[in-house]
Amino acid sequence: MLKAGDRAPDFTAQDHLGNTVRLADLRGKTVVLWFYPKADTPG
């Protein structure tokens, strides 16, 4: 389990447009992950 201040492990995810994003490619930038249940939301 990560603790406050730990470096996040590298991972890949899809953005809202379906593009693959890799955390390592964003090193040095502020990153915010926003999760929500797409199945329960309109659109």
Protein backbone atom coordinates (compact mmCIF):
# COMPACT_ATOMS: atom_id res chain seq x y z
CA MET A 1 0.00 0.00 0.00
CA LEU A 2 1.22 3.48 -0.82
CA LYS A 3 1.63 6.04 1.93
CA ALA A 4 1.38 9.81 1.65
CA GLY A 5 4.54 11.07 -0.02
CA ASP A 6 5.34 7.75 -1.77
CA ARG A 7 6.13 7.91 -5.48
CA ALA A 8 3.31 6.41 -7.53
CA PRO A 9 4.20 3.31 -9.56
CA ASP A 10 4.09 3.67 -13.34
CA PHE A 11 0.81 2.62 -14.97
CA THR A 12 -1.17 3.12 -18.15
CA ALA A 13 -4.82 4.12 -18.43
CA GLN A 14 -7.23 5.44 -21.02
CA ASP A 15 -8.34 9.06 -21.01
CA HIS A 16 -11.91 10.18 -21.74
CA LEU A 17 -11.19 10.04 -25.48
CA GLY A 18 -9.85 6.48 -25.38
CA ASN A 19 -6.20 7.50 -25.75
CA THR A 20 -3.63 5.52 -23.76
CA VAL A 21 -1.80 7.66 -21.22
CA ARG A 22 1.28 6.50 -19.31
CA LEU A 23 2.12 8.07 -15.96
CA ALA A 24 5.85 8.10 -16.77
CA ASP A 25 5.10 10.38 -19.76
CA LEU A 26 3.64 12.97 -17.36
CA ARG A 27 6.59 13.04 -14.93
CA GLY A 28 7.07 16.55 -13.53
CA LYS A 29 3.44 17.57 -14.16
CA THR A 30 0.50 17.64 -11.80
CA VAL A 31 -1.70 14.58 -12.38
CA VAL A 32 -5.27 14.17 -11.13
CA LEU A 33 -7.11 10.87 -11.54
CA TRP A 34 -10.89 11.12 -11.62
CA PHE A 35 -12.89 7.88 -11.46
CA TYR A 36 -16.63 7.57 -11.83
CA PRO A 37 -19.03 4.77 -12.83
CA LYS A 38 -19.65 5.40 -16.53
CA ALA A 39 -22.47 2.84 -16.56
CA ASP A 40 -24.49 4.96 -14.12
CA THR A 41 -23.99 8.32 -15.79
CA PRO A 42 -25.59 9.82 -18.89
CA GLY A 43 -23.44 10.23 -21.97
